[in-house]
Amino acid sequence: MIIKLLRNVFLRNWGLKLFSFIMALLLWLTLIPEEKMYTEKTITVPLELYNIPPHMELVEKIQPSLNVTIRASNRLIPQISAANVHAVLDLSRASVDQKQYPLNKNMVSIPAGAEIKEIYPRQVDIELERAREIVMPIEANIIGKLQEGLILKKVELVPTEILVRGPESKVLDTAKVRTTPVDISLLTQSTEVEADLILPDPDLELVGSDTKVLVKLLIQGEVTKEENTETEKKPEIKTKRKNQAPT
């Protein structure tokens, strides 16, 4: 009896009841404001490293990233992006012996009204070393070939060396700083060229504001064999001293 009654309640005019339910659901979704409905999104943001101790350097200057899952209202969620989400790791208490640093939600700032549900990873690998500074010589990178009849007599650099800083394992005593390529194939006379500097390792940096070097190129005409022969054959002219007594 009860089963028959329930069957009549749910199955009688079931098409009309289904239509009414759908209409009620649509009406409910329409009337509820977007700020009352929530959704989640995951974005990837760079992990910014701050307050690296002045006597330390990163061994590899690769910026780690962090996946942040954020919950917010449907009205707010489209406005959230990597531009207004920031993850910051304070390294003021870092040491050369520590290789892994824990991460937590408090390191991430997000727009007001949003909530951080999850971050990944929960720790990041960062290697620091003691910093070292050294004066490195600068080497000119000359490419190309002068036109026939010309020779590159001399190359002079101003300055000839520069101060470099980096992790102690990357600062080598035998390393040199090179210039960007200086092409001499179209040159016909002595000239001066300003060139950028290329460090021997990407983890190194220049100390100071100088990032360029002046390359002075001394170009001369090539002396031919015939000219050399003529010079050698020129007779030596002897002159008598004015006060020399006759013999």
Protein backbone atom coordinates (compact mmCIF):
# COMPACT_ATOMS: atom_id res chain seq x y z
CA MET A 1 0.00 0.00 0.00
CA ILE A 2 2.77 2.43 0.97
CA ILE A 3 4.82 1.45 -2.09
CA LYS A 4 1.84 2.07 -4.34
CA LEU A 5 1.27 5.46 -2.73
CA LEU A 6 4.92 6.50 -3.20
CA ARG A 7 4.83 5.29 -6.79
CA ASN A 8 1.80 7.45 -7.47
CA VAL A 9 3.48 10.48 -5.85
CA PHE A 10 6.69 10.26 -7.87
CA LEU A 11 5.51 8.77 -11.14
CA ARG A 12 2.15 10.46 -11.67
CA ASN A 13 2.71 13.38 -14.07
CA TRP A 14 6.46 12.76 -13.84
CA GLY A 15 7.18 14.87 -16.93
CA LEU A 16 5.49 17.90 -15.41
CA LYS A 17 7.25 17.35 -12.08
CA LEU A 18 10.67 17.08 -13.81
CA PHE A 19 9.99 20.27 -15.75
CA SER A 20 9.00 22.05 -12.54
CA PHE A 21 12.16 20.88 -10.79
CA ILE A 22 14.39 22.12 -13.62
CA MET A 23 12.63 25.49 -13.69
CA ALA A 24 13.00 25.83 -9.92
CA LEU A 25 16.71 25.00 -10.15
CA LEU A 26 17.28 27.56 -12.90
CA LEU A 27 15.37 30.18 -10.94
CA TRP A 28 17.46 29.42 -7.85
CA LEU A 29 20.71 29.74 -9.81
CA THR A 30 19.53 33.00 -11.34
CA LEU A 31 18.46 34.67 -8.11
CA ILE A 32 21.53 33.69 -6.05
CA PRO A 33 24.16 36.48 -6.39
CA GLU A 34 27.59 35.52 -7.73
CA GLU A 35 29.27 36.51 -4.49
CA LYS A 36 27.34 33.71 -2.76
CA MET A 37 28.65 31.06 -5.16
CA TYR A 38 32.24 29.88 -4.86
CA THR A 39 34.71 28.10 -7.09
CA GLU A 40 38.39 27.20 -7.08
CA LYS A 41 41.28 27.80 -9.46
CA THR A 42 44.98 26.90 -9.39
CA ILE A 43 47.60 29.31 -10.65
CA THR A 44 51.40 29.11 -10.86
CA VAL A 45 53.36 32.02 -9.43
CA PRO A 46 57.11 32.62 -9.09
CA LEU A 47 58.59 32.23 -5.62
CA GLU A 48 60.35 35.51 -4.86
CA LEU A 49 63.51 35.23 -2.78
CA TYR A 50 64.14 38.14 -0.41
CA ASN A 51 66.79 39.19 2.11
CA ILE A 52 69.61 36.94 0.89
CA PRO A 53 72.47 37.58 3.34
CA PRO A 54 75.06 39.94 1.79
CA HIS A 55 77.90 37.46 2.30
CA MET A 56 76.06 34.68 0.40
CA GLU A 57 75.12 33.98 -3.21
CA LEU A 58 72.70 31.60 -4.92
CA VAL A 59 74.56 28.75 -6.58
CA GLU A 60 71.97 28.57 -9.37
CA LYS A 61 69.90 31.67 -10.12
CA ILE A 62 66.80 29.74 -11.20
CA GLN A 63 63.57 31.16 -9.82
CA PRO A 64 61.40 28.40 -8.34
CA SER A 65 57.62 28.45 -8.78
CA LEU A 66 54.64 27.61 -6.59
CA ASN A 67 51.19 26.21 -7.47
CA VAL A 68 48.50 27.97 -5.42
CA THR A 69 44.89 26.74 -5.27
CA ILE A 70 42.54 29.62 -4.41
CA ARG A 71 38.83 29.59 -3.47
CA ALA A 72 36.78 32.71 -4.16
CA SER A 73 33.36 33.87 -5.29
CA ASN A 74 32.38 33.60 -8.93
CA ARG A 75 32.51 37.37 -9.16
CA LEU A 76 36.06 37.59 -7.76
CA ILE A 77 37.70 34.48 -9.22
CA PRO A 78 38.18 35.88 -12.79
CA GLN A 79 40.16 38.80 -11.34
CA ILE A 80 42.71 36.56 -9.63
CA SER A 81 45.90 35.89 -11.58
CA ALA A 82 49.66 35.69 -11.15
CA ALA A 83 49.72 39.49 -11.30
CA ASN A 84 48.00 39.89 -7.90
CA VAL A 85 49.18 36.71 -6.16
CA HIS A 86 52.68 36.85 -4.66
CA ALA A 87 54.74 34.17 -2.92
CA VAL A 88 57.72 35.40 -0.89
CA LEU A 89 60.44 33.41 0.89
CA ASP A 90 62.51 35.31 3.44
CA LEU A 91 66.12 34.05 3.45
CA SER A 92 67.47 36.42 6.10
CA ARG A 93 68.19 33.43 8.39
CA ALA A 94 69.53 31.15 5.68
CA SER A 95 72.80 29.27 6.02
CA VAL A 96 75.16 27.51 3.64
CA ASP A 97 74.38 24.20 5.35
CA GLN A 98 70.61 24.37 4.75
CA LYS A 99 69.48 22.99 1.39
CA GLN A 100 65.67 22.72 1.83
CA TYR A 101 63.28 25.45 2.97
CA PRO A 102 59.67 24.80 4.04
CA LEU A 103 56.80 26.72 2.44
CA ASN A 104 53.41 27.59 3.93
CA LYS A 105 50.26 29.55 3.11
CA ASN A 106 51.36 32.56 5.13
CA MET A 107 54.07 33.24 2.53
CA VAL A 108 51.42 33.87 -0.14
CA SER A 109 49.45 37.11 -0.48
CA ILE A 110 46.14 37.09 -2.38
CA PRO A 111 43.31 39.60 -3.04
CA ALA A 112 40.91 40.32 -0.20
CA GLY A 113 37.89 38.00 -0.13
CA ALA A 114 39.79 34.98 -1.48
CA GLU A 115 41.07 31.96 0.43
CA ILE A 116 44.13 29.77 -0.10
CA LYS A 117 43.10 26.12 -0.12
CA GLU A 118 46.41 24.47 -1.00
CA ILE A 119 49.98 25.19 -2.10
CA TYR A 120 52.44 22.88 -3.83
CA PRO A 121 55.24 22.06 -3.28
CA ARG A 122 55.54 22.33 0.48
CA GLN A 123 59.30 22.85 0.35
CA VAL A 124 61.87 24.14 -2.10
CA ASP A 125 65.53 23.27 -2.72
CA ILE A 126 67.83 26.30 -2.60
CA GLU A 127 71.61 26.15 -2.41
CA LEU A 128 73.61 29.07 -1.07
CA GLU A 129 77.36 29.54 -0.93
CA ARG A 130 79.69 32.12 0.49
CA ALA A 131 80.21 34.98 -1.93
CA ARG A 132 83.59 35.71 -3.47
CA GLU A 133 84.84 38.71 -5.44
CA ILE A 134 87.78 38.65 -7.85
CA VAL A 135 89.29 40.92 -10.50
CA MET A 136 89.13 39.10 -13.86
CA PRO A 137 91.02 40.04 -17.04
CA ILE A 138 88.97 41.02 -20.10
CA GLU A 139 89.63 39.31 -23.43
CA ALA A 140 88.53 40.74 -26.79
CA ASN A 141 86.54 38.40 -29.01
CA ILE A 142 87.67 39.42 -32.50
CA ILE A 143 85.90 37.78 -35.45
CA GLY A 144 86.15 38.17 -39.20
CA LYS A 145 89.12 38.89 -41.46
CA LEU A 146 90.46 42.22 -42.63
CA GLN A 147 90.51 43.07 -46.31
CA GLU A 148 93.61 42.14 -48.29
CA GLY A 149 96.48 44.50 -47.65
CA LEU A 150 95.46 45.33 -44.06
CA ILE A 151 96.70 43.87 -40.78
CA LEU A 152 95.44 44.19 -37.24
CA LYS A 153 98.50 45.58 -35.54
CA LYS A 154 97.19 45.94 -31.99
CA VAL A 155 94.07 45.46 -29.84
CA GLU A 156 93.73 47.56 -26.69
CA LEU A 157 90.96 47.31 -24.08
CA VAL A 158 89.75 50.01 -21.69
CA PRO A 159 89.47 48.79 -18.98
CA THR A 160 91.63 45.67 -19.17
CA GLU A 161 90.05 43.97 -16.12
CA ILE A 162 86.87 44.12 -14.06
CA LEU A 163 85.54 43.09 -10.64
CA VAL A 164 83.28 40.01 -10.61
CA ARG A 165 81.21 38.46 -7.80
CA GLY A 166 79.55 35.08 -7.37
CA PRO A 167 79.39 31.81 -5.42
CA GLU A 168 82.90 30.76 -4.41
CA SER A 169 82.67 27.47 -6.35
CA LYS A 170 81.93 29.38 -9.58
CA VAL A 171 84.58 32.10 -9.22
CA LEU A 172 87.70 30.57 -10.79
CA ASP A 173 91.12 32.22 -10.71
CA THR A 174 91.82 31.20 -14.32
CA ALA A 175 88.53 32.49 -15.75
CA LYS A 176 88.27 35.50 -18.09
CA VAL A 177 85.53 37.90 -19.05
CA ARG A 178 85.05 38.09 -22.83
CA THR A 179 83.57 40.80 -24.99
CA THR A 180 80.72 40.29 -27.37
CA PRO A 181 82.02 39.51 -30.90
CA VAL A 182 83.76 42.45 -32.62
CA ASP A 183 83.62 41.98 -36.41
CA ILE A 184 86.58 43.52 -38.25
CA SER A 185 85.76 42.24 -41.74
CA LEU A 186 84.39 45.61 -42.94
CA LEU A 187 86.95 47.86 -41.25
CA THR A 188 89.45 49.76 -43.36
CA GLN A 189 91.14 51.93 -40.73
CA SER A 190 91.86 52.11 -37.02
CA THR A 191 88.74 52.52 -34.92
CA GLU A 192 87.22 52.20 -31.46
CA VAL A 193 84.25 49.93 -30.71
CA GLU A 194 82.15 49.65 -27.55
CA ALA A 195 81.34 46.04 -26.66
CA ASP A 196 79.30 44.32 -23.96
CA LEU A 197 80.86 41.93 -21.48
CA ILE A 198 80.09 38.21 -21.24
CA LEU A 199 80.77 36.48 -17.93
CA PRO A 200 82.29 32.98 -17.92
CA ASP A 201 79.39 31.63 -15.82
CA PRO A 202 75.72 32.73 -15.69
CA ASP A 203 75.78 32.61 -11.88
CA LEU A 204 78.37 35.40 -11.77
CA GLU A 205 77.67 39.13 -11.84
CA LEU A 206 79.60 42.31 -12.44
CA VAL A 207 80.29 44.51 -9.44
CA GLY A 208 79.56 48.13 -10.22
CA SER A 209 77.78 49.94 -13.03
CA ASP A 210 80.27 49.21 -15.84
CA THR A 211 78.89 46.63 -18.27
CA LYS A 212 80.78 47.65 -21.42
CA VAL A 213 84.40 47.90 -22.56
CA LEU A 214 86.08 50.09 -25.18
CA VAL A 215 87.95 48.07 -27.83
CA LYS A 216 90.65 50.05 -29.63
CA LEU A 217 91.73 48.49 -32.95
CA LEU A 218 94.95 49.62 -34.62
CA ILE A 219 94.82 48.74 -38.33
CA GLN A 220 97.74 49.30 -40.71
CA GLY A 221 98.59 48.57 -44.32
CA GLU A 222 100.51 45.36 -44.82
CA VAL A 223 104.15 45.75 -45.85
CA THR A 224 104.89 43.68 -48.98
CA LYS A 225 108.02 41.62 -49.59
CA GLU A 226 109.12 44.01 -52.37
CA GLU A 227 108.93 46.96 -49.98
CA ASN A 228 110.97 45.06 -47.42
CA THR A 229 113.60 44.22 -50.08
CA GLU A 230 113.88 47.81 -51.25
CA THR A 231 114.32 48.98 -47.69
CA GLU A 232 117.12 46.47 -47.12
CA LYS A 233 118.93 47.48 -50.37
CA LYS A 234 119.04 51.21 -49.64
CA PRO A 235 122.75 52.25 -49.40
CA GLU A 236 123.96 53.50 -46.09
CA ILE A 237 125.07 57.12 -46.42
CA LYS A 238 128.05 58.02 -44.28
CA THR A 239 128.54 61.60 -43.23
CA LYS A 240 131.72 63.13 -41.99
CA ARG A 241 131.83 65.09 -38.84
CA LYS A 242 132.37 68.76 -39.41
CA ASN A 243 135.43 68.95 -37.19
CA GLN A 244 136.99 65.69 -38.33
CA ALA A 245 140.69 66.17 -39.36
CA PRO A 246 141.69 64.97 -42.86
CA THR A 247 143.81 61.86 -42.99
